[in-house]
Amino acid sequence: MRAKTILDAEFLPLRAKLLEMAAALDRLDCAEGQLDDDPRMTRVREAMKILLQQDGDRAELMQMAFSRAYDENWPTRFGLTL
């Protein structure tokens, strides 16, 4: 597929998502309290940096930014039995 064809198809949904994200960040900026120590906000900031990268691995990097590292003992850790 040509880049222009993809941009033609994706521009409006992409624009809407970016506007939604900007609005959420504006609401956080206007709210009382600080989020400097909140690890979720750290992940959001990391994700925004990933979006600005020029390579084609952004989706994978974004998924990893919001994922836990694999723990082979996760069933025990979460009190589950297999």
N, C-alpha and C. Protein backbone atom coordinates (compact mmCIF):
# COMPACT_ATOMS: atom_id res chain seq x y z
N MET A 1 0.84 -1.19 0.00
CA MET A 1 0.00 0.00 0.00
C MET A 1 0.88 1.25 0.00
N ARG A 2 0.39 2.28 -0.59
CA ARG A 2 1.11 3.55 -0.63
C ARG A 2 0.85 4.33 0.67
N ALA A 3 1.86 5.07 1.11
CA ALA A 3 1.74 5.84 2.35
C ALA A 3 0.57 6.82 2.29
N LYS A 4 0.40 7.47 1.15
CA LYS A 4 -0.69 8.45 1.02
C LYS A 4 -2.05 7.78 1.16
N THR A 5 -2.19 6.60 0.61
CA THR A 5 -3.45 5.86 0.72
C THR A 5 -3.77 5.54 2.18
N ILE A 6 -2.73 5.11 2.90
CA ILE A 6 -2.92 4.81 4.33
C ILE A 6 -3.26 6.07 5.10
N LEU A 7 -2.55 7.17 4.81
CA LEU A 7 -2.84 8.43 5.50
C LEU A 7 -4.25 8.91 5.19
N ASP A 8 -4.68 8.77 3.94
CA ASP A 8 -6.05 9.16 3.58
C ASP A 8 -7.07 8.40 4.41
N ALA A 9 -6.82 7.13 4.64
CA ALA A 9 -7.75 6.29 5.40
C ALA A 9 -7.66 6.52 6.90
N GLU A 10 -6.48 6.82 7.40
CA GLU A 10 -6.24 6.88 8.84
C GLU A 10 -6.24 8.29 9.43
N PHE A 11 -6.20 9.32 8.61
CA PHE A 11 -6.00 10.67 9.13
C PHE A 11 -7.08 11.10 10.13
N LEU A 12 -8.34 10.98 9.77
CA LEU A 12 -9.40 11.46 10.67
C LEU A 12 -9.48 10.66 11.97
N PRO A 13 -9.41 9.32 11.92
CA PRO A 13 -9.38 8.59 13.20
C PRO A 13 -8.15 8.91 14.04
N LEU A 14 -7.00 9.06 13.39
CA LEU A 14 -5.78 9.40 14.10
C LEU A 14 -5.90 10.78 14.75
N ARG A 15 -6.42 11.72 13.99
CA ARG A 15 -6.63 13.09 14.50
C ARG A 15 -7.55 13.06 15.72
N ALA A 16 -8.62 12.30 15.65
CA ALA A 16 -9.58 12.22 16.76
C ALA A 16 -8.92 11.65 18.02
N LYS A 17 -8.10 10.62 17.85
CA LYS A 17 -7.42 10.01 19.00
C LYS A 17 -6.42 10.97 19.62
N LEU A 18 -5.69 11.70 18.77
CA LEU A 18 -4.73 12.66 19.30
C LEU A 18 -5.43 13.80 20.04
N LEU A 19 -6.56 14.27 19.51
CA LEU A 19 -7.32 15.32 20.20
C LEU A 19 -7.86 14.81 21.53
N GLU A 20 -8.33 13.57 21.54
CA GLU A 20 -8.83 12.98 22.79
C GLU A 20 -7.71 12.89 23.83
N MET A 21 -6.53 12.49 23.39
CA MET A 21 -5.39 12.40 24.30
C MET A 21 -5.01 13.78 24.82
N ALA A 22 -4.97 14.77 23.94
CA ALA A 22 -4.62 16.13 24.35
C ALA A 22 -5.63 16.66 25.37
N ALA A 23 -6.90 16.37 25.16
CA ALA A 23 -7.94 16.83 26.09
C ALA A 23 -7.77 16.16 27.46
N ALA A 24 -7.46 14.88 27.48
CA ALA A 24 -7.25 14.18 28.75
C ALA A 24 -6.04 14.76 29.49
N LEU A 25 -4.97 15.04 28.76
CA LEU A 25 -3.79 15.62 29.39
C LEU A 25 -4.07 17.03 29.90
N ASP A 26 -4.87 17.80 29.16
CA ASP A 26 -5.26 19.13 29.63
C ASP A 26 -6.07 19.04 30.93
N ARG A 27 -6.98 18.05 31.00
CA ARG A 27 -7.77 17.88 32.23
C ARG A 27 -6.86 17.54 33.41
N LEU A 28 -5.86 16.71 33.17
CA LEU A 28 -4.92 16.38 34.23
C LEU A 28 -4.12 17.60 34.66
N ASP A 29 -3.72 18.43 33.70
CA ASP A 29 -2.96 19.64 34.02
C ASP A 29 -3.78 20.62 34.87
N CYS A 30 -5.08 20.67 34.63
CA CYS A 30 -5.94 21.62 35.34
C CYS A 30 -6.42 21.09 36.69
N ALA A 31 -6.25 19.80 36.92
CA ALA A 31 -6.75 19.19 38.15
C ALA A 31 -5.83 19.52 39.33
N GLU A 32 -6.40 19.43 40.52
CA GLU A 32 -5.63 19.64 41.74
C GLU A 32 -4.73 18.44 42.00
N GLY A 33 -3.60 18.70 42.60
CA GLY A 33 -2.69 17.63 42.97
C GLY A 33 -1.61 17.41 41.93
N GLN A 34 -0.61 16.63 42.32
CA GLN A 34 0.54 16.33 41.47
C GLN A 34 0.58 14.84 41.16
N LEU A 35 1.07 14.53 39.98
CA LEU A 35 1.20 13.14 39.56
C LEU A 35 2.64 12.75 39.28
N ASP A 36 3.58 13.56 39.73
CA ASP A 36 4.99 13.32 39.43
C ASP A 36 5.47 11.95 39.90
N ASP A 37 4.92 11.45 40.99
CA ASP A 37 5.36 10.17 41.55
C ASP A 37 4.48 9.00 41.13
N ASP A 38 3.48 9.24 40.30
CA ASP A 38 2.57 8.18 39.89
C ASP A 38 3.18 7.41 38.71
N PRO A 39 3.42 6.11 38.87
CA PRO A 39 4.05 5.34 37.80
C PRO A 39 3.22 5.28 36.52
N ARG A 40 1.91 5.44 36.62
CA ARG A 40 1.08 5.45 35.41
C ARG A 40 1.39 6.67 34.55
N MET A 41 1.60 7.80 35.19
CA MET A 41 1.93 9.01 34.44
C MET A 41 3.31 8.89 33.81
N THR A 42 4.21 8.23 34.50
CA THR A 42 5.53 7.96 33.93
C THR A 42 5.39 7.13 32.66
N ARG A 43 4.53 6.14 32.69
CA ARG A 43 4.31 5.30 31.50
C ARG A 43 3.66 6.09 30.38
N VAL A 44 2.75 6.98 30.70
CA VAL A 44 2.13 7.82 29.68
C VAL A 44 3.20 8.68 29.00
N ARG A 45 4.06 9.27 29.79
CA ARG A 45 5.14 10.10 29.23
C ARG A 45 6.07 9.28 28.35
N GLU A 46 6.40 8.08 28.81
CA GLU A 46 7.24 7.18 28.01
C GLU A 46 6.55 6.83 26.69
N ALA A 47 5.25 6.59 26.76
CA ALA A 47 4.49 6.25 25.55
C ALA A 47 4.48 7.42 24.55
N MET A 48 4.38 8.63 25.05
CA MET A 48 4.40 9.79 24.14
C MET A 48 5.75 9.90 23.44
N LYS A 49 6.83 9.58 24.13
CA LYS A 49 8.15 9.59 23.50
C LYS A 49 8.23 8.52 22.41
N ILE A 50 7.65 7.36 22.68
CA ILE A 50 7.63 6.27 21.70
C ILE A 50 6.90 6.72 20.44
N LEU A 51 5.79 7.43 20.60
CA LEU A 51 5.02 7.89 19.43
C LEU A 51 5.83 8.79 18.51
N LEU A 52 6.78 9.51 19.07
CA LEU A 52 7.59 10.44 18.27
C LEU A 52 8.77 9.77 17.57
N GLN A 53 9.02 8.50 17.86
CA GLN A 53 10.12 7.80 17.20
C GLN A 53 9.80 7.56 15.73
N GLN A 54 10.83 7.42 14.93
CA GLN A 54 10.66 7.27 13.49
C GLN A 54 10.72 5.82 13.00
N ASP A 55 11.03 4.87 13.87
CA ASP A 55 11.12 3.50 13.39
C ASP A 55 9.74 2.84 13.38
N GLY A 56 9.67 1.66 12.81
CA GLY A 56 8.39 0.98 12.64
C GLY A 56 7.99 0.07 13.78
N ASP A 57 8.67 0.14 14.91
CA ASP A 57 8.36 -0.75 16.02
C ASP A 57 7.55 -0.07 17.12
N ARG A 58 6.89 1.03 16.80
CA ARG A 58 6.18 1.79 17.84
C ARG A 58 5.09 0.98 18.52
N ALA A 59 4.32 0.20 17.78
CA ALA A 59 3.23 -0.57 18.40
C ALA A 59 3.77 -1.57 19.42
N GLU A 60 4.84 -2.26 19.06
CA GLU A 60 5.44 -3.22 19.99
C GLU A 60 6.02 -2.50 21.21
N LEU A 61 6.74 -1.42 20.98
CA LEU A 61 7.31 -0.66 22.10
C LEU A 61 6.23 -0.11 23.01
N MET A 62 5.13 0.35 22.42
CA MET A 62 4.02 0.88 23.21
C MET A 62 3.41 -0.23 24.07
N GLN A 63 3.21 -1.40 23.47
CA GLN A 63 2.65 -2.52 24.23
C GLN A 63 3.55 -2.87 25.40
N MET A 64 4.87 -2.87 25.16
CA MET A 64 5.81 -3.21 26.23
C MET A 64 5.83 -2.13 27.32
N ALA A 65 5.62 -0.88 26.94
CA ALA A 65 5.61 0.20 27.94
C ALA A 65 4.47 0.03 28.94
N PHE A 66 3.39 -0.58 28.51
CA PHE A 66 2.23 -0.75 29.38
C PHE A 66 2.06 -2.20 29.87
N SER A 67 3.08 -3.02 29.68
CA SER A 67 3.00 -4.43 30.06
C SER A 67 3.98 -4.73 31.20
N ARG A 68 3.68 -5.78 31.90
CA ARG A 68 4.59 -6.27 32.91
C ARG A 68 5.59 -7.22 32.25
N ALA A 69 6.76 -7.31 32.83
CA ALA A 69 7.72 -8.31 32.36
C ALA A 69 7.17 -9.70 32.69
N TYR A 70 7.46 -10.67 31.84
CA TYR A 70 6.95 -12.02 32.06
C TYR A 70 7.55 -12.61 33.33
N ASP A 71 6.69 -13.21 34.13
CA ASP A 71 7.10 -13.89 35.36
C ASP A 71 6.56 -15.31 35.28
N GLU A 72 7.47 -16.28 35.18
CA GLU A 72 7.03 -17.67 35.03
C GLU A 72 6.26 -18.18 36.24
N ASN A 73 6.38 -17.50 37.36
CA ASN A 73 5.64 -17.88 38.57
C ASN A 73 4.38 -17.06 38.76
N TRP A 74 3.85 -16.51 37.68
CA TRP A 74 2.67 -15.64 37.82
C TRP A 74 1.48 -16.33 38.46
N PRO A 75 1.22 -17.63 38.21
CA PRO A 75 0.05 -18.23 38.88
C PRO A 75 0.16 -18.18 40.40
N THR A 76 1.34 -18.49 40.91
CA THR A 76 1.57 -18.45 42.36
C THR A 76 1.47 -17.02 42.87
N ARG A 77 2.07 -16.11 42.13
CA ARG A 77 2.08 -14.70 42.53
C ARG A 77 0.66 -14.14 42.66
N PHE A 78 -0.24 -14.60 41.79
CA PHE A 78 -1.62 -14.10 41.83
C PHE A 78 -2.58 -15.07 42.53
N GLY A 79 -2.02 -16.07 43.23
CA GLY A 79 -2.84 -16.99 44.01
C GLY A 79 -3.70 -17.91 43.17
N LEU A 80 -3.21 -18.28 42.00
CA LEU A 80 -3.98 -19.16 41.10
C LEU A 80 -3.32 -20.54 41.05
N THR A 81 -4.14 -21.54 40.78
CA THR A 81 -3.61 -22.88 40.59
C THR A 81 -3.99 -23.34 39.20
N LEU A 82 -3.06 -24.07 38.59
CA LEU A 82 -3.31 -24.57 37.23
C LEU A 82 -3.69 -26.03 37.25
